[in-house]
Amino acid sequence: MQFVQLAIQGGGAKLIPLLAACEAIQALEAEDNPPIKITRIAGTSAGAIAGCIFAARIPMSTARLHFRRSFESRVSKYFPNPSYWNYYRLTRGQHLEHRSFTSVPPGSI
């Protein structure tokens, strides 16, 4: 068994892939004869979130599902769907319906 110290990078947009990477490490540690054992973990920003979830031994599949559902429902309310139709309208000089952050109720994100 190899003892490993894990450092996880930040970047909010990378949270779901970071959780997937931690899930793979959890799977390695859960084997009958684990090839690695994480002894210390550190992270910045999204990496710190993933690291805390990992250190708490919360199943990463559960965390990924929770974050994905939460982000998708909240983000889709405030940003238009990136579709061909929206692209077409933008290239023709037409405006898309948009919402500003001033219309976002406090505490909703």
C-alpha atoms as a PDB file:
ATOM      1  CA  MET A   1       0.000   0.000   0.000  1.00  0.00           C
ATOM      2  CA  GLN A   2       1.249   3.453  -0.905  1.00  0.00           C
ATOM      3  CA  PHE A   3       0.444   6.390   1.349  1.00  0.00           C
ATOM      4  CA  VAL A   4      -0.540   9.500  -0.603  1.00  0.00           C
ATOM      5  CA  GLN A   5      -1.070  13.147   0.278  1.00  0.00           C
ATOM      6  CA  LEU A   6      -3.683  14.650  -2.024  1.00  0.00           C
ATOM      7  CA  ALA A   7      -3.846  18.301  -3.155  1.00  0.00           C
ATOM      8  CA  ILE A   8      -6.903  19.317  -5.203  1.00  0.00           C
ATOM      9  CA  GLN A   9      -6.968  22.396  -7.429  1.00  0.00           C
ATOM     10  CA  GLY A  10      -9.688  25.020  -7.372  1.00  0.00           C
ATOM     11  CA  GLY A  11     -12.065  26.257 -10.022  1.00  0.00           C
ATOM     12  CA  GLY A  12     -15.815  26.337  -9.482  1.00  0.00           C
ATOM     13  CA  ALA A  13     -16.593  25.029 -12.957  1.00  0.00           C
ATOM     14  CA  LYS A  14     -14.483  21.956 -12.200  1.00  0.00           C
ATOM     15  CA  LEU A  15     -16.399  20.862  -9.108  1.00  0.00           C
ATOM     16  CA  ILE A  16     -18.285  17.979 -10.752  1.00  0.00           C
ATOM     17  CA  PRO A  17     -15.135  16.547 -12.455  1.00  0.00           C
ATOM     18  CA  LEU A  18     -13.212  16.927  -9.171  1.00  0.00           C
ATOM     19  CA  LEU A  19     -15.910  14.940  -7.373  1.00  0.00           C
ATOM     20  CA  ALA A  20     -15.671  12.272 -10.084  1.00  0.00           C
ATOM     21  CA  ALA A  21     -11.895  12.045  -9.569  1.00  0.00           C
ATOM     22  CA  CYS A  22     -12.383  11.735  -5.800  1.00  0.00           C
ATOM     23  CA  GLU A  23     -14.964   9.020  -6.455  1.00  0.00           C
ATOM     24  CA  ALA A  24     -12.322   7.027  -8.362  1.00  0.00           C
ATOM     25  CA  ILE A  25      -9.908   7.429  -5.434  1.00  0.00           C
ATOM     26  CA  GLN A  26     -12.625   6.302  -3.005  1.00  0.00           C
ATOM     27  CA  ALA A  27     -13.143   3.203  -5.155  1.00  0.00           C
ATOM     28  CA  LEU A  28      -9.409   2.427  -5.009  1.00  0.00           C
ATOM     29  CA  GLU A  29      -9.358   2.819  -1.233  1.00  0.00           C
ATOM     30  CA  ALA A  30     -12.422   0.568  -0.879  1.00  0.00           C
ATOM     31  CA  GLU A  31     -10.768  -2.425  -2.598  1.00  0.00           C
ATOM     32  CA  ASP A  32      -9.878  -5.503  -0.527  1.00  0.00           C
ATOM     33  CA  ASN A  33      -6.173  -4.797  -0.952  1.00  0.00           C
ATOM     34  CA  PRO A  34      -6.123  -1.040  -1.623  1.00  0.00           C
ATOM     35  CA  PRO A  35      -3.142   0.191  -3.651  1.00  0.00           C
ATOM     36  CA  ILE A  36      -3.283   3.643  -2.022  1.00  0.00           C
ATOM     37  CA  LYS A  37      -4.344   5.265   1.217  1.00  0.00           C
ATOM     38  CA  ILE A  38      -4.936   9.024   1.404  1.00  0.00           C
ATOM     39  CA  THR A  39      -3.274  10.314   4.566  1.00  0.00           C
ATOM     40  CA  ARG A  40      -3.751  14.064   4.088  1.00  0.00           C
ATOM     41  CA  ILE A  41      -5.917  16.161   1.820  1.00  0.00           C
ATOM     42  CA  ALA A  42      -5.837  19.843   0.894  1.00  0.00           C
ATOM     43  CA  GLY A  43      -7.624  21.950  -1.662  1.00  0.00           C
ATOM     44  CA  THR A  44      -8.467  25.451  -2.754  1.00  0.00           C
ATOM     45  CA  SER A  45     -11.892  26.765  -3.697  1.00  0.00           C
ATOM     46  CA  ALA A  46     -13.824  23.935  -5.390  1.00  0.00           C
ATOM     47  CA  GLY A  47     -10.959  21.607  -4.499  1.00  0.00           C
ATOM     48  CA  ALA A  48     -11.491  22.416  -0.821  1.00  0.00           C
ATOM     49  CA  ILE A  49     -15.183  21.541  -1.171  1.00  0.00           C
ATOM     50  CA  ALA A  50     -14.333  18.228  -2.857  1.00  0.00           C
ATOM     51  CA  GLY A  51     -11.632  17.580  -0.253  1.00  0.00           C
ATOM     52  CA  CYS A  52     -14.015  18.170   2.667  1.00  0.00           C
ATOM     53  CA  ILE A  53     -16.585  15.822   1.179  1.00  0.00           C
ATOM     54  CA  PHE A  54     -13.865  13.222   0.592  1.00  0.00           C
ATOM     55  CA  ALA A  55     -12.475  13.592   4.135  1.00  0.00           C
ATOM     56  CA  ALA A  56     -15.987  13.209   5.574  1.00  0.00           C
ATOM     57  CA  ARG A  57     -16.279   9.883   3.681  1.00  0.00           C
ATOM     58  CA  ILE A  58     -19.495  10.979   1.975  1.00  0.00           C
ATOM     59  CA  PRO A  59     -20.000   8.860  -1.158  1.00  0.00           C
ATOM     60  CA  MET A  60     -18.914  11.026  -4.093  1.00  0.00           C
ATOM     61  CA  SER A  61     -21.692   9.663  -6.300  1.00  0.00           C
ATOM     62  CA  THR A  62     -24.218  11.088  -3.846  1.00  0.00           C
ATOM     63  CA  ALA A  63     -22.433  14.449  -3.710  1.00  0.00           C
ATOM     64  CA  ARG A  64     -22.110  14.679  -7.511  1.00  0.00           C
ATOM     65  CA  LEU A  65     -25.811  13.961  -7.959  1.00  0.00           C
ATOM     66  CA  HIS A  66     -26.761  16.573  -5.346  1.00  0.00           C
ATOM     67  CA  PHE A  67     -24.560  19.293  -6.855  1.00  0.00           C
ATOM     68  CA  ARG A  68     -25.597  18.530 -10.418  1.00  0.00           C
ATOM     69  CA  ARG A  69     -29.313  18.750  -9.571  1.00  0.00           C
ATOM     70  CA  SER A  70     -28.830  21.895  -7.516  1.00  0.00           C
ATOM     71  CA  PHE A  71     -26.711  23.709 -10.125  1.00  0.00           C
ATOM     72  CA  GLU A  72     -28.854  22.762 -13.095  1.00  0.00           C
ATOM     73  CA  SER A  73     -32.090  23.951 -11.536  1.00  0.00           C
ATOM     74  CA  ARG A  74     -30.646  27.259 -10.299  1.00  0.00           C
ATOM     75  CA  VAL A  75     -28.468  28.185 -13.268  1.00  0.00           C
ATOM     76  CA  SER A  76     -31.079  27.408 -15.917  1.00  0.00           C
ATOM     77  CA  LYS A  77     -33.448  29.969 -14.372  1.00  0.00           C
ATOM     78  CA  TYR A  78     -31.067  32.879 -15.010  1.00  0.00           C
ATOM     79  CA  PHE A  79     -29.201  32.014 -18.211  1.00  0.00           C
ATOM     80  CA  PRO A  80     -30.700  31.204 -21.616  1.00  0.00           C
ATOM     81  CA  ASN A  81     -30.300  27.709 -22.946  1.00  0.00           C
ATOM     82  CA  PRO A  82     -27.342  27.629 -25.399  1.00  0.00           C
ATOM     83  CA  SER A  83     -29.326  26.421 -28.389  1.00  0.00           C
ATOM     84  CA  TYR A  84     -29.018  26.758 -32.138  1.00  0.00           C
ATOM     85  CA  TRP A  85     -32.056  29.050 -32.153  1.00  0.00           C
ATOM     86  CA  ASN A  86     -30.437  31.473 -29.670  1.00  0.00           C
ATOM     87  CA  TYR A  87     -27.220  31.434 -31.698  1.00  0.00           C
ATOM     88  CA  TYR A  88     -29.180  32.138 -34.880  1.00  0.00           C
ATOM     89  CA  ARG A  89     -30.980  35.084 -33.292  1.00  0.00           C
ATOM     90  CA  LEU A  90     -27.707  36.559 -32.006  1.00  0.00           C
ATOM     91  CA  THR A  91     -26.054  36.315 -35.439  1.00  0.00           C
ATOM     92  CA  ARG A  92     -29.031  38.196 -36.957  1.00  0.00           C
ATOM     93  CA  GLY A  93     -28.714  41.049 -34.462  1.00  0.00           C
ATOM     94  CA  GLN A  94     -31.793  40.055 -32.480  1.00  0.00           C
ATOM     95  CA  HIS A  95     -31.773  40.296 -28.723  1.00  0.00           C
ATOM     96  CA  LEU A  96     -32.352  37.369 -26.440  1.00  0.00           C
ATOM     97  CA  GLU A  97     -34.614  37.599 -23.445  1.00  0.00           C
ATOM     98  CA  HIS A  98     -32.274  38.122 -20.555  1.00  0.00           C
ATOM     99  CA  ARG A  99     -32.404  38.651 -16.869  1.00  0.00           C
ATOM    100  CA  SER A 100     -29.951  40.697 -14.872  1.00  0.00           C
ATOM    101  CA  PHE A 101     -28.590  39.778 -11.493  1.00  0.00           C
ATOM    102  CA  THR A 102     -30.640  42.605 -10.002  1.00  0.00           C
ATOM    103  CA  SER A 103     -33.735  40.478 -10.696  1.00  0.00           C
ATOM    104  CA  VAL A 104     -32.329  37.540  -8.723  1.00  0.00           C
ATOM    105  CA  PRO A 105     -34.022  37.314  -5.328  1.00  0.00           C
ATOM    106  CA  PRO A 106     -31.525  37.483  -2.433  1.00  0.00           C
ATOM    107  CA  GLY A 107     -30.585  34.061  -1.109  1.00  0.00           C
ATOM    108  CA  SER A 108     -31.932  32.181  -4.150  1.00  0.00           C
ATOM    109  CA  ILE A 109     -28.516  31.209  -5.489  1.00  0.00           C
END
